[in-house]
Amino acid sequence: MISLKKLLENKEEAANAAQAAENPAARHTEPEDARHAVAASPVLPVALEAYRSALEEFGNSSLDACPALGDALRKELQRIEERLTPEAGLEEISGAEKSVSQQLRSWGKRTARHYRDKASEIKDLLLVLTRATESVGDRDQRCAQQMNDVTERLRKVADLDDISEIRLAIESSAAELKTSIERMTSEGKAAIAQLRAEVSNYQAKLEEAESLASSDSLTGLRNRLYFESQLDKRMDTMLPFCIAIVDVNGFKQVNDVHGHLVGDELLKQFSAELKSACRSTDLIGRWGGDEFIILLDSALADAEAQIERLRKQVMKNYTVAGRSGSLTLPITASIGLAERSSREPLKDLIERADAAMYAEKARRKSAADTSKR
């Protein structure tokens, strides 16, 4: 990644050198003048925008890498990104770069620790299973020895001549055999109950981990990795389905004007409305940023009718908490729909839906420009 601090330093040196060449007296101008000269450069805004975009992508990628911890890093990078304005000077940019490095290092350590802990939990589960197996083996060995002892005693009964002694020996052996079987049954039930409890506990943990790994931490919808895996499975069938890509119009402006916290709250509310508008048979996911994706379990005609119903529900005014109080934001979305064709690669299907979405976005922009004239 480019170093914005280095860029500013180089531009400042270049500006000072240029001033000194044109006017020797400029060598003694205040550093603030050089700073203004650097800020006026057309390169800095472009570099700042690229750097901010990179920070946003870092944050989004961290969600895929570690859903449990990625959201915290994404929010920290958003805070840093908001400070990187075109008016930022060398000190602010230098501080931002240091903050980014610290956040990435800290997140890397926490992520490594998180996955070590998960590996440790799996190891503990394997140890539980091993101990349970050993316990059952020890119990069976003890019971087998007791059975052998009883069998041996019964064999010796055949050598007895006194009927009363034979009866006593049989009764005693039968009692021991009954006790041994009862103990084996009781120990077996206890071992099974303990094993069930521990396996149930670890199953709940694994299900929670699986849910976290397949969900978007901000909206609660399915994340891109999970959605892609489901699409791959669906492509293997011959059943008809459609893909819709939903893009929130003007979302970048919401972030720039009102901040990322307002943008996050807006995405939460929008995704909740999106989920409510869809059918139980449809699969909804966050594709990335302000884009969502829907797998509609139907042919094109039915999917088009569903999308029209969806438009009416999600395109409306949303009320969110802003820096200075409650905000009401009118939100629209551009939606591209594509039906799966036979033997069509998944990549082509998504590209068609994406192209349809951008075509609708262009029509909306053209209509808005026409109405302003």
Protein backbone atom coordinates (compact mmCIF):
# COMPACT_ATOMS: atom_id res chain seq x y z
CA MET A 1 0.00 0.00 0.00
CA ILE A 2 1.19 3.51 -0.71
CA SER A 3 2.45 5.60 2.20
CA LEU A 4 0.43 8.80 2.38
CA LYS A 5 2.92 10.27 4.82
CA LYS A 6 5.74 9.69 2.33
CA LEU A 7 3.64 11.18 -0.45
CA LEU A 8 3.04 14.33 1.56
CA GLU A 9 6.70 14.62 2.52
CA ASN A 10 7.80 14.25 -1.12
CA LYS A 11 5.22 16.76 -2.32
CA GLU A 12 6.20 19.18 0.43
CA GLU A 13 9.88 18.89 -0.53
CA ALA A 14 8.97 19.38 -4.18
CA ALA A 15 6.87 22.43 -3.34
CA ASN A 16 9.68 23.95 -1.25
CA ALA A 17 12.22 23.25 -3.99
CA ALA A 18 9.99 24.88 -6.59
CA GLN A 19 9.50 27.96 -4.43
CA ALA A 20 13.21 28.22 -3.75
CA ALA A 21 14.03 28.00 -7.45
CA GLU A 22 11.55 30.73 -8.38
CA ASN A 23 12.20 32.97 -5.42
CA PRO A 24 15.22 32.59 -3.11
CA ALA A 25 13.30 34.39 -0.41
CA ALA A 26 10.75 31.56 -0.46
CA ARG A 27 13.28 29.34 1.30
CA HIS A 28 12.29 31.05 4.50
CA THR A 29 8.53 30.82 4.04
CA GLU A 30 6.48 29.24 6.77
CA PRO A 31 5.89 25.45 6.61
CA GLU A 32 2.16 26.24 6.58
CA ASP A 33 2.56 27.74 3.10
CA ALA A 34 4.17 24.56 1.84
CA ARG A 35 1.41 22.59 3.43
CA HIS A 36 -1.20 24.57 1.51
CA ALA A 37 0.79 24.02 -1.68
CA VAL A 38 0.76 20.27 -1.07
CA ALA A 39 -2.94 20.22 -0.25
CA ALA A 40 -3.62 22.00 -3.54
CA SER A 41 -1.98 19.14 -5.46
CA PRO A 42 -4.46 17.04 -7.51
CA VAL A 43 -2.57 13.87 -6.54
CA LEU A 44 -3.40 13.93 -2.84
CA PRO A 45 -7.22 13.66 -3.09
CA VAL A 46 -6.88 10.72 -5.45
CA ALA A 47 -4.37 9.01 -3.15
CA LEU A 48 -6.57 9.68 -0.12
CA GLU A 49 -9.62 8.21 -1.86
CA ALA A 50 -7.63 5.12 -2.88
CA TYR A 51 -6.36 4.73 0.67
CA ARG A 52 -9.87 5.06 2.11
CA SER A 53 -11.18 2.48 -0.36
CA ALA A 54 -8.38 0.11 0.63
CA LEU A 55 -9.29 0.51 4.31
CA GLU A 56 -12.91 -0.29 3.52
CA GLU A 57 -11.90 -3.42 1.61
CA PHE A 58 -9.61 -4.45 4.49
CA GLY A 59 -12.58 -4.20 6.83
CA ASN A 60 -14.91 -6.17 4.55
CA SER A 61 -12.29 -8.87 3.98
CA SER A 62 -11.74 -9.25 7.72
CA LEU A 63 -15.39 -10.33 8.03
CA ASP A 64 -14.76 -13.20 5.60
CA ALA A 65 -11.48 -14.15 7.27
CA CYS A 66 -12.89 -14.23 10.82
CA PRO A 67 -16.61 -13.43 11.20
CA ALA A 68 -16.38 -13.46 15.00
CA LEU A 69 -13.77 -10.66 15.14
CA GLY A 70 -13.91 -9.01 11.71
CA ASP A 71 -16.68 -6.53 12.56
CA ALA A 72 -14.60 -4.89 15.31
CA LEU A 73 -11.69 -4.28 12.91
CA ARG A 74 -14.04 -2.99 10.21
CA LYS A 75 -15.52 -0.40 12.59
CA GLU A 76 -12.08 0.75 13.76
CA LEU A 77 -10.91 1.17 10.17
CA GLN A 78 -14.09 3.11 9.40
CA ARG A 79 -13.28 5.57 12.22
CA ILE A 80 -9.79 6.05 10.84
CA GLU A 81 -11.17 6.44 7.31
CA GLU A 82 -13.49 9.26 8.44
CA ARG A 83 -10.48 11.27 9.64
CA LEU A 84 -8.76 11.07 6.25
CA THR A 85 -10.30 14.14 4.63
CA PRO A 86 -8.72 16.24 1.86
CA GLU A 87 -7.98 18.87 4.55
CA ALA A 88 -5.91 16.41 6.60
CA GLY A 89 -2.28 17.39 7.11
CA LEU A 90 0.92 15.44 7.58
CA GLU A 91 0.38 14.93 11.31
CA GLU A 92 -3.17 13.62 10.90
CA ILE A 93 -2.21 11.26 8.05
CA SER A 94 0.85 10.00 9.91
CA GLY A 95 -1.30 9.28 12.94
CA ALA A 96 -3.87 7.50 10.79
CA GLU A 97 -1.24 5.26 9.22
CA LYS A 98 0.12 4.34 12.65
CA SER A 99 -3.40 3.57 13.86
CA VAL A 100 -4.02 1.32 10.84
CA SER A 101 -0.80 -0.62 11.50
CA GLN A 102 -1.64 -1.01 15.18
CA GLN A 103 -5.19 -2.16 14.44
CA LEU A 104 -4.04 -4.73 11.88
CA ARG A 105 -1.35 -6.13 14.18
CA SER A 106 -3.75 -6.30 17.12
CA TRP A 107 -6.46 -7.91 15.03
CA GLY A 108 -4.01 -10.46 13.64
CA LYS A 109 -2.96 -11.50 17.14
CA ARG A 110 -6.56 -11.70 18.38
CA THR A 111 -7.59 -13.72 15.33
CA ALA A 112 -4.73 -16.18 15.79
CA ARG A 113 -5.68 -16.54 19.46
CA HIS A 114 -9.34 -17.04 18.50
CA TYR A 115 -8.56 -19.89 16.12
CA ARG A 116 -6.16 -21.45 18.65
CA ASP A 117 -9.00 -21.46 21.18
CA LYS A 118 -11.34 -23.07 18.64
CA ALA A 119 -8.73 -25.73 17.90
CA SER A 120 -8.37 -26.30 21.65
CA GLU A 121 -12.13 -26.83 21.98
CA ILE A 122 -12.03 -29.47 19.24
CA LYS A 123 -9.10 -31.13 20.99
CA ASP A 124 -11.09 -31.18 24.26
CA LEU A 125 -14.01 -32.83 22.46
CA LEU A 126 -11.73 -35.53 21.08
CA LEU A 127 -10.32 -36.10 24.57
CA VAL A 128 -13.86 -36.46 25.95
CA LEU A 129 -14.63 -39.10 23.34
CA THR A 130 -11.34 -40.86 24.08
CA ARG A 131 -11.96 -40.89 27.83
CA ALA A 132 -15.51 -42.15 27.29
CA THR A 133 -14.21 -44.98 25.12
CA GLU A 134 -11.59 -45.88 27.72
CA SER A 135 -14.23 -45.79 30.49
CA VAL A 136 -16.52 -48.13 28.57
CA GLY A 137 -13.58 -50.43 27.87
CA ASP A 138 -12.57 -50.53 31.56
CA ARG A 139 -16.15 -51.20 32.62
CA ASP A 140 -16.54 -54.00 30.12
CA GLN A 141 -13.25 -55.52 31.27
CA ARG A 142 -14.35 -55.48 34.92
CA CYS A 143 -17.72 -56.97 34.06
CA ALA A 144 -16.09 -59.61 31.89
CA GLN A 145 -13.83 -60.61 34.78
CA GLN A 146 -16.81 -60.84 37.14
CA MET A 147 -18.68 -62.99 34.63
CA ASN A 148 -15.67 -65.28 34.28
CA ASP A 149 -15.49 -65.63 38.09
CA VAL A 150 -19.18 -66.54 38.28
CA THR A 151 -18.85 -69.00 35.41
CA GLU A 152 -15.88 -70.67 37.12
CA ARG A 153 -17.79 -71.03 40.35
CA LEU A 154 -20.76 -72.52 38.53
CA ARG A 155 -18.44 -75.00 36.86
CA LYS A 156 -17.21 -76.15 40.28
CA VAL A 157 -20.78 -76.76 41.40
CA ALA A 158 -20.81 -79.85 39.23
CA ASP A 159 -18.26 -81.43 41.61
CA LEU A 160 -20.47 -80.99 44.68
CA ASP A 161 -22.47 -83.98 45.98
CA ASP A 162 -24.63 -82.23 48.57
CA ILE A 163 -27.82 -80.81 47.00
CA SER A 164 -28.07 -78.08 49.63
CA GLU A 165 -24.54 -76.92 48.91
CA ILE A 166 -25.29 -76.92 45.20
CA ARG A 167 -28.38 -74.78 45.80
CA LEU A 168 -26.47 -72.31 47.97
CA ALA A 169 -23.67 -72.06 45.43
CA ILE A 170 -26.12 -71.44 42.57
CA GLU A 171 -28.05 -68.84 44.56
CA SER A 172 -24.83 -67.05 45.52
CA SER A 173 -23.53 -67.10 41.94
CA ALA A 174 -26.87 -65.90 40.57
CA ALA A 175 -26.91 -63.02 43.07
CA GLU A 176 -23.39 -61.99 42.09
CA LEU A 177 -24.28 -62.28 38.41
CA LYS A 178 -27.39 -60.09 38.94
CA THR A 179 -25.33 -57.50 40.85
CA SER A 180 -22.68 -57.48 38.13
CA ILE A 181 -25.26 -56.94 35.39
CA GLU A 182 -27.00 -54.18 37.37
CA ARG A 183 -23.67 -52.43 37.99
CA MET A 184 -22.75 -52.73 34.31
CA THR A 185 -26.15 -51.29 33.32
CA SER A 186 -25.88 -48.43 35.82
CA GLU A 187 -22.32 -47.55 34.83
CA GLY A 188 -23.26 -47.76 31.18
CA LYS A 189 -26.20 -45.36 31.64
CA ALA A 190 -24.04 -42.91 33.59
CA ALA A 191 -21.28 -43.02 30.98
CA ILE A 192 -23.75 -42.55 28.14
CA ALA A 193 -25.52 -39.68 29.96
CA GLN A 194 -22.20 -37.93 30.58
CA LEU A 195 -21.10 -38.46 27.00
CA ARG A 196 -24.41 -37.15 25.68
CA ALA A 197 -24.18 -34.04 27.85
CA GLU A 198 -20.63 -33.25 26.75
CA VAL A 199 -21.31 -33.97 23.08
CA SER A 200 -24.48 -31.83 23.25
CA ASN A 201 -22.45 -28.97 24.72
CA TYR A 202 -19.85 -29.16 21.97
CA GLN A 203 -22.53 -29.59 19.31
CA ALA A 204 -24.11 -26.31 20.46
CA LYS A 205 -20.70 -24.62 20.25
CA LEU A 206 -20.07 -26.01 16.77
CA GLU A 207 -23.53 -24.89 15.59
CA GLU A 208 -22.88 -21.41 16.98
CA ALA A 209 -19.50 -21.28 15.25
CA GLU A 210 -21.08 -22.48 12.00
CA SER A 211 -23.80 -19.82 12.27
CA LEU A 212 -21.19 -17.11 12.85
CA ALA A 213 -19.12 -18.34 9.92
CA SER A 214 -22.09 -18.20 7.55
CA SER A 215 -23.66 -14.91 8.72
CA ASP A 216 -22.88 -11.27 8.05
CA SER A 217 -22.07 -9.74 11.44
CA LEU A 218 -23.68 -6.36 10.68
CA THR A 219 -27.00 -7.35 9.11
CA GLY A 220 -27.46 -10.94 10.29
CA LEU A 221 -28.08 -12.06 6.71
CA ARG A 222 -26.06 -14.82 5.08
CA ASN A 223 -22.57 -13.72 4.06
CA ARG A 224 -21.04 -13.95 0.61
CA LEU A 225 -19.03 -17.12 1.23
CA TYR A 226 -22.08 -19.05 2.42
CA PHE A 227 -24.25 -17.67 -0.38
CA GLU A 228 -21.73 -18.69 -3.03
CA SER A 229 -21.60 -22.23 -1.63
CA GLN A 230 -25.41 -22.48 -1.79
CA LEU A 231 -25.42 -21.14 -5.35
CA ASP A 232 -22.87 -23.77 -6.36
CA LYS A 233 -25.13 -26.50 -4.96
CA ARG A 234 -28.17 -25.04 -6.70
CA MET A 235 -26.35 -24.90 -10.04
CA ASP A 236 -25.92 -28.68 -9.84
CA THR A 237 -29.70 -29.14 -9.99
CA MET A 238 -32.02 -28.60 -12.96
CA LEU A 239 -34.60 -26.63 -10.94
CA PRO A 240 -35.44 -23.11 -12.14
CA PHE A 241 -34.39 -20.12 -10.05
CA CYS A 242 -33.51 -16.43 -10.40
CA ILE A 243 -30.86 -14.16 -8.94
CA ALA A 244 -31.55 -10.57 -7.90
CA ILE A 245 -28.82 -8.08 -7.00
CA VAL A 246 -30.00 -5.14 -4.88
CA ASP A 247 -27.89 -1.98 -4.61
CA VAL A 248 -28.81 0.89 -2.23
CA ASN A 249 -28.73 4.13 -4.21
CA GLY A 250 -26.61 6.99 -2.86
CA PHE A 251 -25.27 5.01 0.09
CA LYS A 252 -21.74 6.41 -0.22
CA GLN A 253 -23.14 9.90 0.19
CA VAL A 254 -24.89 8.80 3.40
CA ASN A 255 -21.56 7.61 4.79
CA ASP A 256 -19.72 10.75 3.66
CA VAL A 257 -22.32 13.20 5.01
CA HIS A 258 -23.61 11.46 8.15
CA GLY A 259 -20.81 9.01 9.03
CA HIS A 260 -20.40 5.24 9.02
CA LEU A 261 -22.45 4.64 12.17
CA VAL A 262 -25.51 6.11 10.47
CA GLY A 263 -24.68 4.07 7.35
CA ASP A 264 -24.43 0.87 9.40
CA GLU A 265 -27.78 1.50 11.10
CA LEU A 266 -29.36 2.20 7.72
CA LEU A 267 -28.02 -1.09 6.32
CA LYS A 268 -29.40 -2.97 9.35
CA GLN A 269 -32.87 -1.52 8.86
CA PHE A 270 -32.80 -1.99 5.09
CA SER A 271 -31.70 -5.63 5.40
CA ALA A 272 -34.48 -6.28 7.95
CA GLU A 273 -37.07 -4.89 5.51
CA LEU A 274 -35.50 -6.91 2.70
CA LYS A 275 -35.76 -10.11 4.71
CA SER A 276 -39.34 -9.33 5.70
CA ALA A 277 -40.31 -8.70 2.06
CA CYS A 278 -38.88 -12.01 0.84
CA ARG A 279 -40.54 -15.41 1.03
CA SER A 280 -39.40 -18.23 3.30
CA THR A 281 -38.20 -20.15 0.23
CA ASP A 282 -35.92 -17.29 -0.88
CA LEU A 283 -32.31 -17.01 0.29
CA ILE A 284 -31.05 -13.48 1.10
CA GLY A 285 -27.43 -12.47 1.61
CA ARG A 286 -25.18 -9.45 1.85
CA TRP A 287 -23.02 -9.44 -1.26
CA GLY A 288 -20.70 -6.68 -0.06
CA GLY A 289 -20.91 -3.06 1.08
CA ASP A 290 -24.37 -1.76 0.18
CA GLU A 291 -25.14 -4.64 -2.22
CA PHE A 292 -27.43 -7.55 -1.39
CA ILE A 293 -28.25 -10.72 -3.32
CA ILE A 294 -31.40 -12.85 -3.37
CA LEU A 295 -31.93 -16.36 -4.71
CA LEU A 296 -35.59 -16.54 -5.75
CA ASP A 297 -36.89 -20.09 -5.87
CA SER A 298 -39.08 -19.59 -8.94
CA ALA A 299 -39.11 -18.93 -12.67
CA LEU A 300 -38.73 -15.42 -14.13
CA ALA A 301 -42.40 -14.34 -14.27
CA ASP A 302 -43.03 -15.16 -10.63
CA ALA A 303 -39.68 -13.64 -9.61
CA GLU A 304 -40.52 -10.36 -11.37
CA ALA A 305 -43.82 -10.12 -9.48
CA GLN A 306 -41.98 -10.80 -6.20
CA ILE A 307 -39.39 -8.10 -6.94
CA GLU A 308 -42.16 -5.55 -7.57
CA ARG A 309 -43.69 -6.36 -4.18
CA LEU A 310 -40.23 -6.07 -2.64
CA ARG A 311 -39.64 -2.63 -4.19
CA LYS A 312 -42.78 -1.23 -2.55
CA GLN A 313 -41.72 -2.44 0.89
CA VAL A 314 -38.03 -1.54 1.00
CA MET A 315 -38.04 1.78 -0.89
CA LYS A 316 -39.25 4.28 1.70
CA ASN A 317 -38.11 6.71 4.40
CA TYR A 318 -35.87 5.26 7.10
CA THR A 319 -35.39 6.92 10.50
CA VAL A 320 -31.96 6.55 12.10
CA ALA A 321 -30.10 8.20 14.98
CA GLY A 322 -27.66 10.85 13.71
CA ARG A 323 -24.97 12.94 15.37
CA SER A 324 -27.41 15.73 16.22
CA GLY A 325 -30.60 13.74 16.63
CA SER A 326 -33.00 11.67 14.57
CA LEU A 327 -32.58 11.59 10.77
CA THR A 328 -35.14 10.65 8.12
CA LEU A 329 -33.51 9.39 4.94
CA PRO A 330 -35.45 8.53 1.76
CA ILE A 331 -33.92 5.35 0.36
CA THR A 332 -34.30 3.75 -3.04
CA ALA A 333 -32.53 0.76 -4.56
CA SER A 334 -31.60 -0.48 -8.01
CA ILE A 335 -32.43 -4.15 -8.59
CA GLY A 336 -31.14 -6.40 -11.35
CA LEU A 337 -32.87 -9.74 -12.00
CA ALA A 338 -31.64 -12.70 -14.07
CA GLU A 339 -33.07 -16.19 -14.58
CA ARG A 340 -30.75 -19.18 -14.63
CA SER A 341 -30.29 -20.61 -18.12
CA SER A 342 -29.47 -24.25 -18.74
CA ARG A 343 -25.75 -25.05 -18.56
CA GLU A 344 -24.94 -21.37 -17.89
CA PRO A 345 -21.89 -20.81 -15.65
CA LEU A 346 -22.64 -19.19 -12.31
CA LYS A 347 -20.29 -16.32 -13.13
CA ASP A 348 -22.32 -15.43 -16.22
CA LEU A 349 -25.60 -15.54 -14.30
CA ILE A 350 -24.32 -13.12 -11.65
CA GLU A 351 -22.84 -10.84 -14.32
CA ARG A 352 -26.23 -10.64 -16.07
CA ALA A 353 -27.99 -9.72 -12.82
CA ASP A 354 -25.27 -7.17 -12.06
CA ALA A 355 -25.56 -5.63 -15.54
CA ALA A 356 -29.35 -5.37 -15.14
CA MET A 357 -28.86 -3.61 -11.80
CA TYR A 358 -26.43 -1.06 -13.27
CA ALA A 359 -28.76 -0.48 -16.22
CA GLU A 360 -31.58 0.38 -13.81
CA LYS A 361 -29.25 2.63 -11.83
CA ALA A 362 -28.33 4.49 -15.04
CA ARG A 363 -32.03 4.91 -15.94
CA ARG A 364 -32.77 6.33 -12.50
CA LYS A 365 -29.87 8.80 -12.76
CA SER A 366 -30.96 9.88 -16.25
CA ALA A 367 -34.54 10.40 -15.08
CA ALA A 368 -33.35 12.42 -12.07
CA ASP A 369 -31.13 14.62 -14.28
CA THR A 370 -34.04 15.21 -16.68
CA SER A 371 -36.39 16.26 -13.85
CA LYS A 372 -33.87 18.87 -12.66
CA ARG A 373 -33.83 20.67 -16.01
